[in-house]
Amino acid sequence: MSTFTPDDLLLYLYDDMDAATRLQVEEQLEKDWTLREKLAVLKTAKDRLNRITESPRTEVILSVMHKAAEQMHTILRS
């Protein structure tokens, strides 16, 4: 039975833990198939998050550009 939490697995996945703890996680992963499954689920989620591409609607971009132009015009007139 593993004592590592999902948070520990996330730290492992993002390579954000010290070497000694990382080694402990790797040793436990070799022994515990449920921990490997949990890590696999987190890896899949990470991969999906990395593929998300969001961008603002055209209307939002145009609105920001319009306001910036208004401010620039105001600055240049003063």
Protein backbone atom coordinates (compact mmCIF):
# COMPACT_ATOMS: atom_id res chain seq x y z
CA MET A 1 0.00 0.00 0.00
CA SER A 2 1.33 3.39 -1.02
CA THR A 3 1.67 6.36 1.28
CA PHE A 4 2.06 8.79 -1.61
CA THR A 5 -0.79 11.17 -2.28
CA PRO A 6 -2.03 12.49 -5.62
CA ASP A 7 -0.20 15.71 -4.76
CA ASP A 8 3.03 13.72 -4.41
CA LEU A 9 2.41 12.17 -7.81
CA LEU A 10 1.87 15.60 -9.34
CA LEU A 11 5.14 16.80 -7.87
CA TYR A 12 6.80 13.70 -9.33
CA LEU A 13 5.16 14.23 -12.70
CA TYR A 14 6.32 17.84 -12.89
CA ASP A 15 9.78 16.94 -11.55
CA ASP A 16 9.29 19.22 -8.57
CA MET A 17 10.61 17.12 -5.68
CA ASP A 18 13.96 16.37 -4.17
CA ALA A 19 16.01 13.47 -5.49
CA ALA A 20 15.56 11.28 -2.40
CA THR A 21 11.76 11.54 -2.47
CA ARG A 22 11.74 11.00 -6.23
CA LEU A 23 13.69 7.78 -5.74
CA GLN A 24 11.19 6.64 -3.10
CA VAL A 25 8.30 7.31 -5.48
CA GLU A 26 10.03 5.39 -8.27
CA GLU A 27 10.68 2.43 -5.96
CA GLN A 28 7.05 2.42 -4.89
CA LEU A 29 5.88 2.70 -8.50
CA GLU A 30 7.77 -0.50 -9.29
CA LYS A 31 5.89 -2.35 -6.54
CA ASP A 32 2.42 -0.80 -6.59
CA TRP A 33 0.29 -1.15 -9.71
CA THR A 34 -2.47 1.07 -8.30
CA LEU A 35 0.05 3.87 -7.85
CA ARG A 36 1.18 3.36 -11.45
CA GLU A 37 -2.44 3.58 -12.59
CA LYS A 38 -2.95 6.81 -10.66
CA LEU A 39 0.20 8.25 -12.22
CA ALA A 40 -1.00 7.20 -15.67
CA VAL A 41 -4.29 9.05 -15.13
CA LEU A 42 -2.42 12.17 -14.06
CA LYS A 43 -0.09 11.92 -17.08
CA THR A 44 -3.11 11.70 -19.38
CA ALA A 45 -4.67 14.76 -17.74
CA LYS A 46 -1.38 16.68 -18.04
CA ASP A 47 -1.10 15.78 -21.72
CA ARG A 48 -4.66 16.91 -22.37
CA LEU A 49 -4.10 20.19 -20.54
CA ASN A 50 -0.96 20.83 -22.59
CA ARG A 51 -2.96 20.43 -25.81
CA ILE A 52 -5.65 22.94 -24.91
CA THR A 53 -5.47 26.06 -27.02
CA GLU A 54 -7.79 28.84 -26.08
CA SER A 55 -7.89 32.30 -27.55
CA PRO A 56 -10.18 35.24 -27.00
CA ARG A 57 -13.10 35.90 -29.29
CA THR A 58 -12.49 38.33 -32.14
CA GLU A 59 -14.92 40.81 -30.56
CA VAL A 60 -12.80 40.93 -27.39
CA ILE A 61 -9.60 41.56 -29.32
CA LEU A 62 -11.26 44.31 -31.38
CA SER A 63 -12.65 45.93 -28.24
CA VAL A 64 -9.22 46.00 -26.59
CA MET A 65 -7.63 47.39 -29.75
CA HIS A 66 -10.33 50.08 -29.98
CA LYS A 67 -9.82 51.17 -26.37
CA ALA A 68 -6.05 51.22 -26.84
CA ALA A 69 -6.46 53.41 -29.93
CA GLU A 70 -8.75 55.77 -28.00
CA GLN A 71 -6.21 56.08 -25.20
CA MET A 72 -3.37 56.64 -27.67
CA HIS A 73 -5.41 59.33 -29.42
CA THR A 74 -6.11 61.00 -26.04
CA ILE A 75 -2.42 60.92 -25.11
CA LEU A 76 -1.31 62.35 -28.45
CA ARG A 77 -3.83 65.23 -28.23
CA SER A 78 -2.59 66.34 -24.81
